[in-house]
PDB file of all heavy atoms in Angstrom:
ATOM      1  N   GLY A   1       0.768  -1.232   0.000  1.00  0.00           N
ATOM      2  CA  GLY A   1       0.000   0.000   0.000  1.00  0.00           C
ATOM      3  C   GLY A   1       0.798   1.280   0.000  1.00  0.00           C
ATOM      4  O   GLY A   1       0.231   2.370   0.129  1.00  0.00           O
ATOM      5  N   TYR A   2       2.105   1.197  -0.181  1.00  0.00           N
ATOM      6  CA  TYR A   2       2.930   2.407  -0.180  1.00  0.00           C
ATOM      7  C   TYR A   2       2.867   3.101  -1.541  1.00  0.00           C
ATOM      8  O   TYR A   2       2.823   2.448  -2.578  1.00  0.00           O
ATOM      9  CB  TYR A   2       4.390   2.051   0.111  1.00  0.00           C
ATOM     10  CG  TYR A   2       4.655   1.600   1.529  1.00  0.00           C
ATOM     11  CD1 TYR A   2       4.466   0.273   1.902  1.00  0.00           C
ATOM     12  CD2 TYR A   2       5.121   2.492   2.490  1.00  0.00           C
ATOM     13  CE1 TYR A   2       4.728  -0.148   3.201  1.00  0.00           C
ATOM     14  CE2 TYR A   2       5.377   2.087   3.784  1.00  0.00           C
ATOM     15  CZ  TYR A   2       5.179   0.760   4.141  1.00  0.00           C
ATOM     16  OH  TYR A   2       5.422   0.343   5.418  1.00  0.00           O
ATOM     17  N   THR A   3       2.902   4.431  -1.503  1.00  0.00           N
ATOM     18  CA  THR A   3       3.002   5.215  -2.726  1.00  0.00           C
ATOM     19  C   THR A   3       4.320   5.995  -2.786  1.00  0.00           C
ATOM     20  O   THR A   3       4.739   6.419  -3.854  1.00  0.00           O
ATOM     21  CB  THR A   3       1.835   6.211  -2.846  1.00  0.00           C
ATOM     22  OG1 THR A   3       1.846   7.088  -1.713  1.00  0.00           O
ATOM     23  CG2 THR A   3       0.506   5.470  -2.920  1.00  0.00           C
ATOM     24  N   THR A   4       4.936   6.223  -1.645  1.00  0.00           N
ATOM     25  CA  THR A   4       6.227   6.904  -1.554  1.00  0.00           C
ATOM     26  C   THR A   4       7.115   6.139  -0.587  1.00  0.00           C
ATOM     27  O   THR A   4       6.640   5.684   0.458  1.00  0.00           O
ATOM     28  CB  THR A   4       6.064   8.354  -1.055  1.00  0.00           C
ATOM     29  OG1 THR A   4       5.202   9.059  -1.929  1.00  0.00           O
ATOM     30  CG2 THR A   4       7.410   9.068  -0.963  1.00  0.00           C
ATOM     31  N   THR A   5       8.369   5.996  -0.927  1.00  0.00           N
ATOM     32  CA  THR A   5       9.303   5.325  -0.032  1.00  0.00           C
ATOM     33  C   THR A   5      10.686   5.939  -0.209  1.00  0.00           C
ATOM     34  O   THR A   5      10.883   6.845  -1.018  1.00  0.00           O
ATOM     35  CB  THR A   5       9.351   3.809  -0.302  1.00  0.00           C
ATOM     36  OG1 THR A   5      10.150   3.179   0.723  1.00  0.00           O
ATOM     37  CG2 THR A   5       9.930   3.494  -1.666  1.00  0.00           C
ATOM     38  N   SER A   6      11.625   5.475   0.583  1.00  0.00           N
ATOM     39  CA  SER A   6      12.991   5.988   0.476  1.00  0.00           C
ATOM     40  C   SER A   6      13.973   4.841   0.349  1.00  0.00           C
ATOM     41  O   SER A   6      13.784   3.780   0.942  1.00  0.00           O
ATOM     42  CB  SER A   6      13.352   6.851   1.691  1.00  0.00           C
ATOM     43  OG  SER A   6      13.256   6.104   2.880  1.00  0.00           O
ATOM     44  N   GLU A   7      14.993   5.069  -0.448  1.00  0.00           N
ATOM     45  CA  GLU A   7      16.160   4.182  -0.463  1.00  0.00           C
ATOM     46  C   GLU A   7      17.220   4.930   0.332  1.00  0.00           C
ATOM     47  O   GLU A   7      17.858   5.856  -0.173  1.00  0.00           O
ATOM     48  CB  GLU A   7      16.618   3.902  -1.891  1.00  0.00           C
ATOM     49  CG  GLU A   7      17.890   3.091  -1.973  1.00  0.00           C
ATOM     50  CD  GLU A   7      17.871   1.883  -1.064  1.00  0.00           C
ATOM     51  OE1 GLU A   7      17.126   0.932  -1.348  1.00  0.00           O
ATOM     52  OE2 GLU A   7      18.604   1.899  -0.053  1.00  0.00           O
ATOM     53  N   ILE A   8      17.373   4.529   1.574  1.00  0.00           N
ATOM     54  CA  ILE A   8      18.124   5.355   2.510  1.00  0.00           C
ATOM     55  C   ILE A   8      19.576   4.933   2.646  1.00  0.00           C
ATOM     56  O   ILE A   8      20.315   5.466   3.468  1.00  0.00           O
ATOM     57  CB  ILE A   8      17.414   5.388   3.876  1.00  0.00           C
ATOM     58  CG1 ILE A   8      17.826   6.632   4.676  1.00  0.00           C
ATOM     59  CG2 ILE A   8      17.663   4.121   4.652  1.00  0.00           C
ATOM     60  CD1 ILE A   8      16.713   7.230   5.443  1.00  0.00           C
ATOM     61  N   MET A   9      20.018   4.013   1.801  1.00  0.00           N
ATOM     62  CA  MET A   9      21.435   3.653   1.819  1.00  0.00           C
ATOM     63  C   MET A   9      21.885   3.285   0.407  1.00  0.00           C
ATOM     64  O   MET A   9      22.284   2.160   0.136  1.00  0.00           O
ATOM     65  CB  MET A   9      21.716   2.502   2.792  1.00  0.00           C
ATOM     66  CG  MET A   9      23.190   2.405   3.165  1.00  0.00           C
ATOM     67  SD  MET A   9      23.543   1.096   4.360  1.00  0.00           S
ATOM     68  CE  MET A   9      23.455  -0.358   3.294  1.00  0.00           C
ATOM     69  N   ILE A  10      21.830   4.256  -0.488  1.00  0.00           N
ATOM     70  CA  ILE A  10      22.371   4.037  -1.825  1.00  0.00           C
ATOM     71  C   ILE A  10      23.879   3.904  -1.707  1.00  0.00           C
ATOM     72  O   ILE A  10      24.540   4.723  -1.064  1.00  0.00           O
ATOM     73  CB  ILE A  10      22.013   5.211  -2.756  1.00  0.00           C
ATOM     74  CG1 ILE A  10      20.494   5.386  -2.851  1.00  0.00           C
ATOM     75  CG2 ILE A  10      22.614   5.008  -4.139  1.00  0.00           C
ATOM     76  CD1 ILE A  10      20.070   6.643  -3.572  1.00  0.00           C
ATOM     77  N   GLU A  11      24.426   2.880  -2.295  1.00  0.00           N
ATOM     78  CA  GLU A  11      25.873   2.687  -2.223  1.00  0.00           C
ATOM     79  C   GLU A  11      26.597   3.889  -2.827  1.00  0.00           C
ATOM     80  O   GLU A  11      26.107   4.511  -3.778  1.00  0.00           O
ATOM     81  CB  GLU A  11      26.282   1.421  -2.965  1.00  0.00           C
ATOM     82  CG  GLU A  11      25.904   0.139  -2.242  1.00  0.00           C
ATOM     83  CD  GLU A  11      26.563   0.042  -0.886  1.00  0.00           C
ATOM     84  OE1 GLU A  11      27.795   0.240  -0.794  1.00  0.00           O
ATOM     85  OE2 GLU A  11      25.842  -0.211   0.102  1.00  0.00           O
ATOM     86  N   PRO A  12      27.757   4.254  -2.284  1.00  0.00           N
ATOM     87  CA  PRO A  12      28.476   5.419  -2.809  1.00  0.00           C
ATOM     88  C   PRO A  12      28.683   5.333  -4.322  1.00  0.00           C
ATOM     89  O   PRO A  12      29.163   4.326  -4.845  1.00  0.00           O
ATOM     90  CB  PRO A  12      29.817   5.355  -2.068  1.00  0.00           C
ATOM     91  CG  PRO A  12      29.519   4.642  -0.790  1.00  0.00           C
ATOM     92  CD  PRO A  12      28.469   3.630  -1.140  1.00  0.00           C
ATOM     93  N   GLY A  13      28.262   6.358  -5.022  1.00  0.00           N
ATOM     94  CA  GLY A  13      28.454   6.420  -6.467  1.00  0.00           C
ATOM     95  C   GLY A  13      27.402   5.719  -7.295  1.00  0.00           C
ATOM     96  O   GLY A  13      27.484   5.732  -8.528  1.00  0.00           O
ATOM     97  N   ALA A  14      26.393   5.114  -6.656  1.00  0.00           N
ATOM     98  CA  ALA A  14      25.431   4.290  -7.394  1.00  0.00           C
ATOM     99  C   ALA A  14      24.127   5.013  -7.727  1.00  0.00           C
ATOM    100  O   ALA A  14      23.207   4.386  -8.256  1.00  0.00           O
ATOM    101  CB  ALA A  14      25.128   3.015  -6.607  1.00  0.00           C
ATOM    102  N   SER A  15      24.025   6.293  -7.453  1.00  0.00           N
ATOM    103  CA  SER A  15      22.746   6.989  -7.642  1.00  0.00           C
ATOM    104  C   SER A  15      22.301   7.003  -9.099  1.00  0.00           C
ATOM    105  O   SER A  15      21.119   6.774  -9.407  1.00  0.00           O
ATOM    106  CB  SER A  15      22.842   8.420  -7.115  1.00  0.00           C
ATOM    107  OG  SER A  15      22.979   8.424  -5.714  1.00  0.00           O
ATOM    108  N   ARG A  16      23.221   7.249 -10.021  1.00  0.00           N
ATOM    109  CA  ARG A  16      22.835   7.282 -11.440  1.00  0.00           C
ATOM    110  C   ARG A  16      22.441   5.896 -11.932  1.00  0.00           C
ATOM    111  O   ARG A  16      21.501   5.748 -12.724  1.00  0.00           O
ATOM    112  CB  ARG A  16      23.979   7.854 -12.282  1.00  0.00           C
ATOM    113  CG  ARG A  16      24.267   9.320 -11.998  1.00  0.00           C
ATOM    114  CD  ARG A  16      25.369   9.873 -12.890  1.00  0.00           C
ATOM    115  NE  ARG A  16      25.777  11.202 -12.484  1.00  0.00           N
ATOM    116  CZ  ARG A  16      25.155  12.329 -12.816  1.00  0.00           C
ATOM    117  NH1 ARG A  16      24.100  12.261 -13.619  1.00  0.00           N
ATOM    118  NH2 ARG A  16      25.593  13.497 -12.394  1.00  0.00           N
ATOM    119  N   MET A  17      23.143   4.887 -11.483  1.00  0.00           N
ATOM    120  CA  MET A  17      22.802   3.514 -11.872  1.00  0.00           C
ATOM    121  C   MET A  17      21.413   3.142 -11.356  1.00  0.00           C
ATOM    122  O   MET A  17      20.611   2.523 -12.066  1.00  0.00           O
ATOM    123  CB  MET A  17      23.840   2.540 -11.330  1.00  0.00           C
ATOM    124  CG  MET A  17      23.579   1.088 -11.697  1.00  0.00           C
ATOM    125  SD  MET A  17      24.865  -0.018 -11.073  1.00  0.00           S
ATOM    126  CE  MET A  17      24.599   0.107  -9.300  1.00  0.00           C
ATOM    127  N   LEU A  18      21.106   3.543 -10.104  1.00  0.00           N
ATOM    128  CA  LEU A  18      19.790   3.250  -9.553  1.00  0.00           C
ATOM    129  C   LEU A  18      18.708   3.991 -10.324  1.00  0.00           C
ATOM    130  O   LEU A  18      17.644   3.428 -10.614  1.00  0.00           O
ATOM    131  CB  LEU A  18      19.752   3.629  -8.072  1.00  0.00           C
ATOM    132  CG  LEU A  18      18.445   3.354  -7.335  1.00  0.00           C
ATOM    133  CD1 LEU A  18      18.050   1.881  -7.438  1.00  0.00           C
ATOM    134  CD2 LEU A  18      18.564   3.759  -5.863  1.00  0.00           C
ATOM    135  N   GLN A  19      18.966   5.232 -10.687  1.00  0.00           N
ATOM    136  CA  GLN A  19      17.989   5.965 -11.488  1.00  0.00           C
ATOM    137  C   GLN A  19      17.723   5.262 -12.819  1.00  0.00           C
ATOM    138  O   GLN A  19      16.572   5.129 -13.245  1.00  0.00           O
ATOM    139  CB  GLN A  19      18.462   7.393 -11.741  1.00  0.00           C
ATOM    140  CG  GLN A  19      17.409   8.218 -12.475  1.00  0.00           C
ATOM    141  CD  GLN A  19      17.987   9.431 -13.160  1.00  0.00           C
ATOM    142  OE1 GLN A  19      19.049   9.350 -13.790  1.00  0.00           O
ATOM    143  NE2 GLN A  19      17.288  10.560 -13.065  1.00  0.00           N
ATOM    144  N   SER A  20      18.775   4.771 -13.462  1.00  0.00           N
ATOM    145  CA  SER A  20      18.611   4.075 -14.741  1.00  0.00           C
ATOM    146  C   SER A  20      17.770   2.816 -14.565  1.00  0.00           C
ATOM    147  O   SER A  20      16.913   2.511 -15.406  1.00  0.00           O
ATOM    148  CB  SER A  20      19.982   3.713 -15.319  1.00  0.00           C
ATOM    149  OG  SER A  20      20.720   4.878 -15.628  1.00  0.00           O
ATOM    150  N   ALA A  21      18.004   2.082 -13.470  1.00  0.00           N
ATOM    151  CA  ALA A  21      17.228   0.866 -13.216  1.00  0.00           C
ATOM    152  C   ALA A  21      15.760   1.195 -12.975  1.00  0.00           C
ATOM    153  O   ALA A  21      14.860   0.493 -13.450  1.00  0.00           O
ATOM    154  CB  ALA A  21      17.812   0.123 -12.016  1.00  0.00           C
ATOM    155  N   ILE A  22      15.503   2.286 -12.245  1.00  0.00           N
ATOM    156  CA  ILE A  22      14.128   2.692 -11.978  1.00  0.00           C
ATOM    157  C   ILE A  22      13.428   3.124 -13.259  1.00  0.00           C
ATOM    158  O   ILE A  22      12.263   2.779 -13.507  1.00  0.00           O
ATOM    159  CB  ILE A  22      14.115   3.824 -10.930  1.00  0.00           C
ATOM    160  CG1 ILE A  22      14.535   3.262  -9.552  1.00  0.00           C
ATOM    161  CG2 ILE A  22      12.739   4.477 -10.839  1.00  0.00           C
ATOM    162  CD1 ILE A  22      14.827   4.332  -8.526  1.00  0.00           C
ATOM    163  N   LYS A  23      14.133   3.844 -14.114  1.00  0.00           N
ATOM    164  CA  LYS A  23      13.539   4.343 -15.355  1.00  0.00           C
ATOM    165  C   LYS A  23      13.352   3.246 -16.403  1.00  0.00           C
ATOM    166  O   LYS A  23      12.600   3.417 -17.366  1.00  0.00           O
ATOM    167  CB  LYS A  23      14.425   5.448 -15.940  1.00  0.00           C
ATOM    168  CG  LYS A  23      14.411   6.734 -15.135  1.00  0.00           C
ATOM    169  CD  LYS A  23      13.049   7.400 -15.171  1.00  0.00           C
ATOM    170  CE  LYS A  23      13.071   8.766 -14.547  1.00  0.00           C
ATOM    171  NZ  LYS A  23      11.716   9.403 -14.571  1.00  0.00           N
ATOM    172  N   ALA A  24      14.010   2.109 -16.219  1.00  0.00           N
ATOM    173  CA  ALA A  24      13.963   1.053 -17.225  1.00  0.00           C
ATOM    174  C   ALA A  24      12.666   0.252 -17.176  1.00  0.00           C
ATOM    175  O   ALA A  24      12.423  -0.568 -18.063  1.00  0.00           O
ATOM    176  CB  ALA A  24      15.150   0.110 -17.039  1.00  0.00           C
ATOM    177  N   ARG A  25      11.856   0.461 -16.166  1.00  0.00           N
ATOM    178  CA  ARG A  25      10.600  -0.286 -16.052  1.00  0.00           C
ATOM    179  C   ARG A  25       9.538   0.624 -15.450  1.00  0.00           C
ATOM    180  O   ARG A  25       9.843   1.698 -14.948  1.00  0.00           O
ATOM    181  CB  ARG A  25      10.795  -1.515 -15.179  1.00  0.00           C
ATOM    182  CG  ARG A  25      11.164  -1.202 -13.724  1.00  0.00           C
ATOM    183  CD  ARG A  25      11.418  -2.456 -12.921  1.00  0.00           C
ATOM    184  NE  ARG A  25      12.658  -3.092 -13.359  1.00  0.00           N
ATOM    185  CZ  ARG A  25      13.076  -4.261 -12.880  1.00  0.00           C
ATOM    186  NH1 ARG A  25      12.352  -4.923 -12.002  1.00  0.00           N
ATOM    187  NH2 ARG A  25      14.215  -4.773 -13.295  1.00  0.00           N
ATOM    188  N   ARG A  26       8.311   0.181 -15.495  1.00  0.00           N
ATOM    189  CA  ARG A  26       7.226   0.958 -14.898  1.00  0.00           C
ATOM    190  C   ARG A  26       7.459   1.073 -13.398  1.00  0.00           C
ATOM    191  O   ARG A  26       7.704   0.083 -12.715  1.00  0.00           O
ATOM    192  CB  ARG A  26       5.880   0.285 -15.182  1.00  0.00           C
ATOM    193  CG  ARG A  26       4.691   1.013 -14.581  1.00  0.00           C
ATOM    194  CD  ARG A  26       3.382   0.366 -14.964  1.00  0.00           C
ATOM    195  NE  ARG A  26       2.258   0.984 -14.276  1.00  0.00           N
ATOM    196  CZ  ARG A  26       1.805   0.592 -13.095  1.00  0.00           C
ATOM    197  NH1 ARG A  26       2.368  -0.452 -12.481  1.00  0.00           N
ATOM    198  NH2 ARG A  26       0.785   1.202 -12.511  1.00  0.00           N
ATOM    199  N   ASN A  27       7.367   2.288 -12.893  1.00  0.00           N
ATOM    200  CA  ASN A  27       7.628   2.518 -11.474  1.00  0.00           C
ATOM    201  C   ASN A  27       6.422   3.204 -10.834  1.00  0.00           C
ATOM    202  O   ASN A  27       6.198   4.399 -11.051  1.00  0.00           O
ATOM    203  CB  ASN A  27       8.877   3.392 -11.305  1.00  0.00           C
ATOM    204  CG  ASN A  27       9.081   3.786  -9.860  1.00  0.00           C
ATOM    205  OD1 ASN A  27       8.832   2.998  -8.957  1.00  0.00           O
ATOM    206  ND2 ASN A  27       9.506   5.021  -9.632  1.00  0.00           N
ATOM    207  N   PRO A  28       5.637   2.489 -10.033  1.00  0.00           N
ATOM    208  CA  PRO A  28       4.457   3.089  -9.411  1.00  0.00           C
ATOM    209  C   PRO A  28       4.757   3.798  -8.086  1.00  0.00           C
ATOM    210  O   PRO A  28       3.835   4.231  -7.410  1.00  0.00           O
ATOM    211  CB  PRO A  28       3.558   1.873  -9.171  1.00  0.00           C
ATOM    212  CG  PRO A  28       4.505   0.758  -8.960  1.00  0.00           C
ATOM    213  CD  PRO A  28       5.726   1.039  -9.778  1.00  0.00           C
ATOM    214  N   LEU A  29       6.036   3.913  -7.723  1.00  0.00           N
ATOM    215  CA  LEU A  29       6.414   4.543  -6.464  1.00  0.00           C
ATOM    216  C   LEU A  29       7.171   5.846  -6.695  1.00  0.00           C
ATOM    217  O   LEU A  29       7.925   5.963  -7.649  1.00  0.00           O
ATOM    218  CB  LEU A  29       7.340   3.623  -5.656  1.00  0.00           C
ATOM    219  CG  LEU A  29       6.768   2.391  -4.993  1.00  0.00           C
ATOM    220  CD1 LEU A  29       7.915   1.576  -4.394  1.00  0.00           C
ATOM    221  CD2 LEU A  29       5.764   2.758  -3.916  1.00  0.00           C
TER     222      LEU A  29
END
C-alpha cells in the first residue's frame, strides 16, 4: 500500500545507476 518510499542507503556512487534501473521499467512509487 505504499506510494512513496525511500532508499536510505544508496551505495556510494550508485545513484545514477539506480535511477537508470528505476527508469527502465514501470515505477508506481
